[in-house]
Amino acid sequence: MDAIGFRLNASQANAEDKTITNHYFFETFNFLERSKADEPAKTKFLCFDTYGEKISVKSLLDIQAAFFENISQLK
């Protein structure tokens, strides 16, 4: 994500349940990524649009679509 312009705002590790939560942002687009160290295929994502409304996403492709929709609203 850093390579395409998103900035890592915060990262939090929970040793008890072995999860890592990363918060990324770009302009007005924010998303959270939560993954388990032993199950990276089950990574979960949560996005927020310009108005702070939740956008449910299930894959990186969904994040890409939500991101471009968000950017188009900024013009």
N, C-alpha and C. Protein backbone atom coordinates (compact mmCIF):
# COMPACT_ATOMS: atom_id res chain seq x y z
N MET A 1 0.81 -1.19 0.00
CA MET A 1 0.00 0.00 0.00
C MET A 1 0.86 1.26 0.00
N ASP A 2 1.97 1.21 0.69
CA ASP A 2 2.86 2.37 0.73
C ASP A 2 3.37 2.72 -0.66
N ALA A 3 3.57 1.71 -1.49
CA ALA A 3 4.13 1.92 -2.83
C ALA A 3 3.19 2.68 -3.75
N ILE A 4 1.88 2.64 -3.49
CA ILE A 4 0.93 3.31 -4.38
C ILE A 4 0.39 4.61 -3.78
N GLY A 5 1.03 5.12 -2.75
CA GLY A 5 0.65 6.43 -2.23
C GLY A 5 -0.08 6.45 -0.92
N PHE A 6 -0.54 5.31 -0.44
CA PHE A 6 -1.19 5.28 0.87
C PHE A 6 -0.14 5.41 1.95
N ARG A 7 -0.50 6.07 3.01
CA ARG A 7 0.43 6.22 4.14
C ARG A 7 -0.08 5.39 5.31
N LEU A 8 0.84 4.71 5.94
CA LEU A 8 0.49 3.95 7.14
C LEU A 8 0.39 4.94 8.29
N ASN A 9 -0.81 5.11 8.81
CA ASN A 9 -1.05 6.06 9.89
C ASN A 9 -0.75 5.44 11.25
N ALA A 10 -1.16 4.19 11.43
CA ALA A 10 -0.94 3.52 12.70
C ALA A 10 -0.94 2.01 12.48
N SER A 11 -0.23 1.32 13.34
CA SER A 11 -0.19 -0.13 13.31
C SER A 11 -0.24 -0.62 14.74
N GLN A 12 -1.09 -1.60 14.98
CA GLN A 12 -1.25 -2.11 16.34
C GLN A 12 -1.21 -3.63 16.30
N ALA A 13 -0.38 -4.23 17.13
CA ALA A 13 -0.27 -5.68 17.22
C ALA A 13 -0.89 -6.15 18.53
N ASN A 14 -1.61 -7.25 18.45
CA ASN A 14 -2.20 -7.86 19.63
C ASN A 14 -1.58 -9.25 19.77
N ALA A 15 -0.67 -9.41 20.71
CA ALA A 15 0.04 -10.68 20.88
C ALA A 15 -0.88 -11.79 21.37
N GLU A 16 -1.93 -11.43 22.08
CA GLU A 16 -2.83 -12.44 22.64
C GLU A 16 -3.54 -13.24 21.55
N ASP A 17 -4.12 -12.55 20.57
CA ASP A 17 -4.80 -13.27 19.49
C ASP A 17 -4.03 -13.22 18.16
N LYS A 18 -2.80 -12.76 18.21
CA LYS A 18 -1.88 -12.75 17.06
C LYS A 18 -2.43 -11.98 15.86
N THR A 19 -3.04 -10.83 16.11
CA THR A 19 -3.55 -10.00 15.02
C THR A 19 -2.75 -8.71 14.91
N ILE A 20 -2.74 -8.20 13.68
CA ILE A 20 -2.13 -6.91 13.41
C ILE A 20 -3.17 -6.05 12.71
N THR A 21 -3.39 -4.84 13.20
CA THR A 21 -4.32 -3.91 12.59
C THR A 21 -3.53 -2.72 12.08
N ASN A 22 -3.66 -2.45 10.78
CA ASN A 22 -3.00 -1.31 10.15
C ASN A 22 -4.04 -0.31 9.69
N HIS A 23 -3.78 0.98 9.92
CA HIS A 23 -4.67 2.04 9.44
C HIS A 23 -3.92 2.82 8.37
N TYR A 24 -4.46 2.83 7.14
CA TYR A 24 -3.86 3.56 6.03
C TYR A 24 -4.77 4.71 5.65
N PHE A 25 -4.19 5.76 5.06
CA PHE A 25 -5.02 6.86 4.55
C PHE A 25 -4.37 7.47 3.32
N PHE A 26 -5.23 8.07 2.50
CA PHE A 26 -4.81 8.82 1.32
C PHE A 26 -5.86 9.89 1.09
N GLU A 27 -5.45 11.15 1.21
CA GLU A 27 -6.40 12.27 1.09
C GLU A 27 -7.54 12.08 2.08
N THR A 28 -8.75 11.80 1.61
CA THR A 28 -9.89 11.62 2.50
C THR A 28 -10.33 10.17 2.59
N PHE A 29 -9.56 9.26 2.03
CA PHE A 29 -9.91 7.84 2.01
C PHE A 29 -9.13 7.13 3.11
N ASN A 30 -9.82 6.43 3.96
CA ASN A 30 -9.21 5.70 5.06
C ASN A 30 -9.60 4.24 5.00
N PHE A 31 -8.67 3.36 5.33
CA PHE A 31 -9.08 1.98 5.50
C PHE A 31 -8.23 1.26 6.54
N LEU A 32 -8.87 0.26 7.13
CA LEU A 32 -8.23 -0.56 8.15
C LEU A 32 -8.02 -1.96 7.58
N GLU A 33 -6.88 -2.53 7.91
CA GLU A 33 -6.55 -3.88 7.48
C GLU A 33 -6.24 -4.68 8.74
N ARG A 34 -6.96 -5.77 8.94
CA ARG A 34 -6.71 -6.62 10.12
C ARG A 34 -6.36 -8.02 9.64
N SER A 35 -5.22 -8.50 10.08
CA SER A 35 -4.78 -9.83 9.66
C SER A 35 -4.24 -10.62 10.84
N LYS A 36 -4.36 -11.93 10.74
CA LYS A 36 -3.78 -12.83 11.74
C LYS A 36 -2.46 -13.34 11.19
N ALA A 37 -1.48 -13.45 12.05
CA ALA A 37 -0.15 -13.88 11.63
C ALA A 37 -0.18 -15.29 11.04
N ASP A 38 -1.01 -16.17 11.58
CA ASP A 38 -1.04 -17.54 11.10
C ASP A 38 -2.09 -17.80 10.01
N GLU A 39 -2.90 -16.79 9.65
CA GLU A 39 -3.92 -16.94 8.62
C GLU A 39 -3.99 -15.70 7.73
N PRO A 40 -2.94 -15.40 6.95
CA PRO A 40 -2.95 -14.17 6.13
C PRO A 40 -4.04 -14.17 5.05
N ALA A 41 -4.52 -15.32 4.65
CA ALA A 41 -5.57 -15.38 3.63
C ALA A 41 -6.91 -14.86 4.16
N LYS A 42 -7.05 -14.77 5.46
CA LYS A 42 -8.31 -14.31 6.06
C LYS A 42 -8.24 -12.84 6.49
N THR A 43 -7.41 -12.06 5.82
CA THR A 43 -7.29 -10.64 6.12
C THR A 43 -8.62 -9.94 5.87
N LYS A 44 -9.00 -9.05 6.77
CA LYS A 44 -10.25 -8.30 6.64
C LYS A 44 -9.94 -6.83 6.44
N PHE A 45 -10.79 -6.16 5.65
CA PHE A 45 -10.61 -4.75 5.33
C PHE A 45 -11.88 -3.98 5.67
N LEU A 46 -11.71 -2.74 6.05
CA LEU A 46 -12.84 -1.84 6.30
C LEU A 46 -12.44 -0.46 5.81
N CYS A 47 -13.29 0.13 4.98
CA CYS A 47 -13.00 1.45 4.40
C CYS A 47 -14.02 2.48 4.86
N PHE A 48 -13.57 3.74 4.82
CA PHE A 48 -14.45 4.86 5.12
C PHE A 48 -14.33 5.87 3.99
N ASP A 49 -15.47 6.38 3.53
CA ASP A 49 -15.46 7.34 2.43
C ASP A 49 -15.24 8.76 2.93
N THR A 50 -15.40 9.71 2.02
CA THR A 50 -15.20 11.13 2.32
C THR A 50 -16.06 11.61 3.48
N TYR A 51 -17.25 11.05 3.61
CA TYR A 51 -18.20 11.49 4.63
C TYR A 51 -18.13 10.65 5.90
N GLY A 52 -17.17 9.73 5.99
CA GLY A 52 -17.02 8.89 7.16
C GLY A 52 -17.94 7.69 7.19
N GLU A 53 -18.61 7.43 6.07
CA GLU A 53 -19.50 6.28 6.02
C GLU A 53 -18.71 5.01 5.73
N LYS A 54 -19.13 3.92 6.35
CA LYS A 54 -18.44 2.66 6.23
C LYS A 54 -18.71 2.01 4.88
N ILE A 55 -17.64 1.51 4.25
CA ILE A 55 -17.74 0.77 3.00
C ILE A 55 -17.18 -0.62 3.28
N SER A 56 -18.03 -1.64 3.18
CA SER A 56 -17.57 -3.00 3.43
C SER A 56 -16.85 -3.54 2.20
N VAL A 57 -15.68 -4.07 2.38
CA VAL A 57 -14.91 -4.63 1.28
C VAL A 57 -14.41 -6.02 1.67
N LYS A 58 -14.28 -6.88 0.67
CA LYS A 58 -13.85 -8.25 0.93
C LYS A 58 -12.51 -8.58 0.28
N SER A 59 -12.03 -7.70 -0.60
CA SER A 59 -10.78 -7.99 -1.29
C SER A 59 -10.07 -6.69 -1.65
N LEU A 60 -8.84 -6.81 -2.10
CA LEU A 60 -8.10 -5.63 -2.54
C LEU A 60 -8.74 -5.00 -3.77
N LEU A 61 -9.41 -5.80 -4.59
CA LEU A 61 -10.11 -5.26 -5.76
C LEU A 61 -11.25 -4.34 -5.32
N ASP A 62 -11.96 -4.72 -4.27
CA ASP A 62 -13.02 -3.87 -3.72
C ASP A 62 -12.45 -2.56 -3.18
N ILE A 63 -11.27 -2.64 -2.55
CA ILE A 63 -10.62 -1.42 -2.04
C ILE A 63 -10.26 -0.51 -3.20
N GLN A 64 -9.75 -1.09 -4.27
CA GLN A 64 -9.37 -0.29 -5.45
C GLN A 64 -10.59 0.42 -6.02
N ALA A 65 -11.70 -0.29 -6.17
CA ALA A 65 -12.92 0.32 -6.71
C ALA A 65 -13.42 1.43 -5.80
N ALA A 66 -13.43 1.20 -4.50
CA ALA A 66 -13.89 2.22 -3.55
C ALA A 66 -12.96 3.42 -3.56
N PHE A 67 -11.67 3.19 -3.69
CA PHE A 67 -10.70 4.28 -3.72
C PHE A 67 -10.93 5.18 -4.93
N PHE A 68 -11.07 4.59 -6.12
CA PHE A 68 -11.25 5.40 -7.31
C PHE A 68 -12.59 6.13 -7.30
N GLU A 69 -13.61 5.53 -6.71
CA GLU A 69 -14.89 6.23 -6.57
C GLU A 69 -14.72 7.43 -5.63
N ASN A 70 -13.98 7.26 -4.56
CA ASN A 70 -13.72 8.33 -3.61
C ASN A 70 -12.95 9.46 -4.26
N ILE A 71 -11.91 9.15 -5.00
CA ILE A 71 -11.09 10.17 -5.66
C ILE A 71 -11.92 10.96 -6.67
N SER A 72 -12.81 10.28 -7.38
CA SER A 72 -13.63 10.97 -8.38
C SER A 72 -14.56 11.99 -7.73
N GLN A 73 -14.93 11.78 -6.47
CA GLN A 73 -15.81 12.72 -5.76
C GLN A 73 -15.07 13.96 -5.29
N LEU A 74 -13.74 13.92 -5.27
CA LEU A 74 -12.97 15.06 -4.79
C LEU A 74 -12.84 16.16 -5.82
N LYS A 75 -13.10 15.86 -7.08
CA LYS A 75 -12.92 16.86 -8.16
C LYS A 75 -13.99 17.91 -8.14
